[in-house]
Amino acid sequence: VALLSLFASASAFVPTSNFGVARDVSVAAMKTPEFAKPAAAAVAGFMPAILSSTAAVATEGTNEAFGVDDPALLIVLFVGHFLILGL
């Protein structure tokens, strides 16, 4: 077992060879059509906003927005946050 662990730790320091994969991918990315570049930029711009906002309206098992099932409590939570932000 000690010999195997020695070989395993020694293999971590062996230089890797990637066989030109990164070069091939970068060359393929340069060959994308001109009409696809603005579309890809637009998708890259709005996808983080969509994905981060879905976490804000997560129901957390209550089937209610923000995980709060009492509307009065939801209003109090929002007012409290807005008052703190106003400081």
C-alpha atoms as a PDB file:
ATOM      1  CA  VAL A   1       0.000   0.000   0.000  1.00  0.00           C
ATOM      2  CA  ALA A   2       2.854   2.362   0.798  1.00  0.00           C
ATOM      3  CA  LEU A   3       4.455   1.705  -2.586  1.00  0.00           C
ATOM      4  CA  LEU A   4       1.183   2.411  -4.372  1.00  0.00           C
ATOM      5  CA  SER A   5       0.711   5.666  -2.489  1.00  0.00           C
ATOM      6  CA  LEU A   6       4.281   6.653  -3.387  1.00  0.00           C
ATOM      7  CA  PHE A   7       3.565   6.073  -7.091  1.00  0.00           C
ATOM      8  CA  ALA A   8       0.263   7.936  -6.838  1.00  0.00           C
ATOM      9  CA  SER A   9       1.853  10.981  -5.234  1.00  0.00           C
ATOM     10  CA  ALA A  10       4.766  10.929  -7.680  1.00  0.00           C
ATOM     11  CA  SER A  11       2.385  10.866 -10.654  1.00  0.00           C
ATOM     12  CA  ALA A  12       0.977  14.215  -9.525  1.00  0.00           C
ATOM     13  CA  PHE A  13       4.252  15.885 -10.475  1.00  0.00           C
ATOM     14  CA  VAL A  14       4.587  14.356 -13.955  1.00  0.00           C
ATOM     15  CA  PRO A  15       4.142  16.942 -16.723  1.00  0.00           C
ATOM     16  CA  THR A  16       0.935  16.472 -18.684  1.00  0.00           C
ATOM     17  CA  SER A  17       0.551  16.498 -22.425  1.00  0.00           C
ATOM     18  CA  ASN A  18      -2.687  17.861 -23.814  1.00  0.00           C
ATOM     19  CA  PHE A  19      -2.053  16.817 -27.447  1.00  0.00           C
ATOM     20  CA  GLY A  20      -3.071  20.219 -28.830  1.00  0.00           C
ATOM     21  CA  VAL A  21      -6.662  20.140 -27.569  1.00  0.00           C
ATOM     22  CA  ALA A  22      -6.658  23.771 -26.473  1.00  0.00           C
ATOM     23  CA  ARG A  23      -5.151  24.837 -29.774  1.00  0.00           C
ATOM     24  CA  ASP A  24      -7.793  22.907 -31.743  1.00  0.00           C
ATOM     25  CA  VAL A  25     -10.629  24.394 -29.712  1.00  0.00           C
ATOM     26  CA  SER A  26      -9.341  27.941 -30.110  1.00  0.00           C
ATOM     27  CA  VAL A  27      -8.958  27.486 -33.873  1.00  0.00           C
ATOM     28  CA  ALA A  28     -12.515  26.127 -34.088  1.00  0.00           C
ATOM     29  CA  ALA A  29     -13.818  29.079 -32.076  1.00  0.00           C
ATOM     30  CA  MET A  30     -12.230  31.508 -34.504  1.00  0.00           C
ATOM     31  CA  LYS A  31     -14.168  29.912 -37.380  1.00  0.00           C
ATOM     32  CA  THR A  32     -17.636  30.753 -36.018  1.00  0.00           C
ATOM     33  CA  PRO A  33     -19.901  32.655 -38.422  1.00  0.00           C
ATOM     34  CA  GLU A  34     -20.189  36.397 -38.009  1.00  0.00           C
ATOM     35  CA  PHE A  35     -23.924  36.314 -37.278  1.00  0.00           C
ATOM     36  CA  ALA A  36     -23.417  33.914 -34.345  1.00  0.00           C
ATOM     37  CA  LYS A  37     -20.979  36.150 -32.479  1.00  0.00           C
ATOM     38  CA  PRO A  38     -23.509  38.850 -31.427  1.00  0.00           C
ATOM     39  CA  ALA A  39     -26.028  36.173 -30.484  1.00  0.00           C
ATOM     40  CA  ALA A  40     -23.477  34.417 -28.293  1.00  0.00           C
ATOM     41  CA  ALA A  41     -22.568  37.711 -26.644  1.00  0.00           C
ATOM     42  CA  ALA A  42     -26.229  38.461 -25.948  1.00  0.00           C
ATOM     43  CA  VAL A  43     -26.813  35.033 -24.438  1.00  0.00           C
ATOM     44  CA  ALA A  44     -23.700  35.392 -22.298  1.00  0.00           C
ATOM     45  CA  GLY A  45     -25.037  38.730 -21.090  1.00  0.00           C
ATOM     46  CA  PHE A  46     -28.533  37.779 -19.979  1.00  0.00           C
ATOM     47  CA  MET A  47     -28.072  34.188 -18.771  1.00  0.00           C
ATOM     48  CA  PRO A  48     -26.367  35.135 -15.458  1.00  0.00           C
ATOM     49  CA  ALA A  49     -29.186  37.566 -14.717  1.00  0.00           C
ATOM     50  CA  ILE A  50     -31.825  34.928 -15.331  1.00  0.00           C
ATOM     51  CA  LEU A  51     -30.033  32.239 -13.370  1.00  0.00           C
ATOM     52  CA  SER A  52     -29.344  34.454 -10.363  1.00  0.00           C
ATOM     53  CA  SER A  53     -32.899  35.787 -10.206  1.00  0.00           C
ATOM     54  CA  THR A  54     -34.405  32.305 -10.125  1.00  0.00           C
ATOM     55  CA  ALA A  55     -32.736  31.728  -6.767  1.00  0.00           C
ATOM     56  CA  ALA A  56     -34.509  34.797  -5.371  1.00  0.00           C
ATOM     57  CA  VAL A  57     -37.979  33.433  -6.076  1.00  0.00           C
ATOM     58  CA  ALA A  58     -37.230  29.896  -4.891  1.00  0.00           C
ATOM     59  CA  THR A  59     -40.150  28.436  -2.968  1.00  0.00           C
ATOM     60  CA  GLU A  60     -38.052  26.389  -0.522  1.00  0.00           C
ATOM     61  CA  GLY A  61     -40.824  23.806  -0.141  1.00  0.00           C
ATOM     62  CA  THR A  62     -43.586  26.233   0.838  1.00  0.00           C
ATOM     63  CA  ASN A  63     -44.902  26.721  -2.737  1.00  0.00           C
ATOM     64  CA  GLU A  64     -44.805  30.445  -2.058  1.00  0.00           C
ATOM     65  CA  ALA A  65     -42.471  33.069  -3.515  1.00  0.00           C
ATOM     66  CA  PHE A  66     -39.377  33.739  -1.425  1.00  0.00           C
ATOM     67  CA  GLY A  67     -40.306  30.808   0.833  1.00  0.00           C
ATOM     68  CA  VAL A  68     -42.724  32.941   2.896  1.00  0.00           C
ATOM     69  CA  ASP A  69     -46.346  31.802   3.129  1.00  0.00           C
ATOM     70  CA  ASP A  70     -47.730  34.830   5.001  1.00  0.00           C
ATOM     71  CA  PRO A  71     -48.119  37.995   2.859  1.00  0.00           C
ATOM     72  CA  ALA A  72     -47.928  40.283   5.897  1.00  0.00           C
ATOM     73  CA  LEU A  73     -44.619  38.765   6.904  1.00  0.00           C
ATOM     74  CA  LEU A  74     -43.354  39.161   3.338  1.00  0.00           C
ATOM     75  CA  ILE A  75     -44.219  42.870   3.407  1.00  0.00           C
ATOM     76  CA  VAL A  76     -42.459  43.323   6.741  1.00  0.00           C
ATOM     77  CA  LEU A  77     -39.364  41.571   5.421  1.00  0.00           C
ATOM     78  CA  PHE A  78     -39.228  43.796   2.335  1.00  0.00           C
ATOM     79  CA  VAL A  79     -39.802  47.000   4.327  1.00  0.00           C
ATOM     80  CA  GLY A  80     -37.082  46.001   6.780  1.00  0.00           C
ATOM     81  CA  HIS A  81     -34.616  45.368   3.969  1.00  0.00           C
ATOM     82  CA  PHE A  82     -35.458  48.633   2.256  1.00  0.00           C
ATOM     83  CA  LEU A  83     -35.026  50.560   5.524  1.00  0.00           C
ATOM     84  CA  ILE A  84     -31.626  48.979   6.077  1.00  0.00           C
ATOM     85  CA  LEU A  85     -30.612  49.747   2.486  1.00  0.00           C
ATOM     86  CA  GLY A  86     -31.667  53.355   3.007  1.00  0.00           C
ATOM     87  CA  LEU A  87     -29.167  53.918   5.805  1.00  0.00           C
END
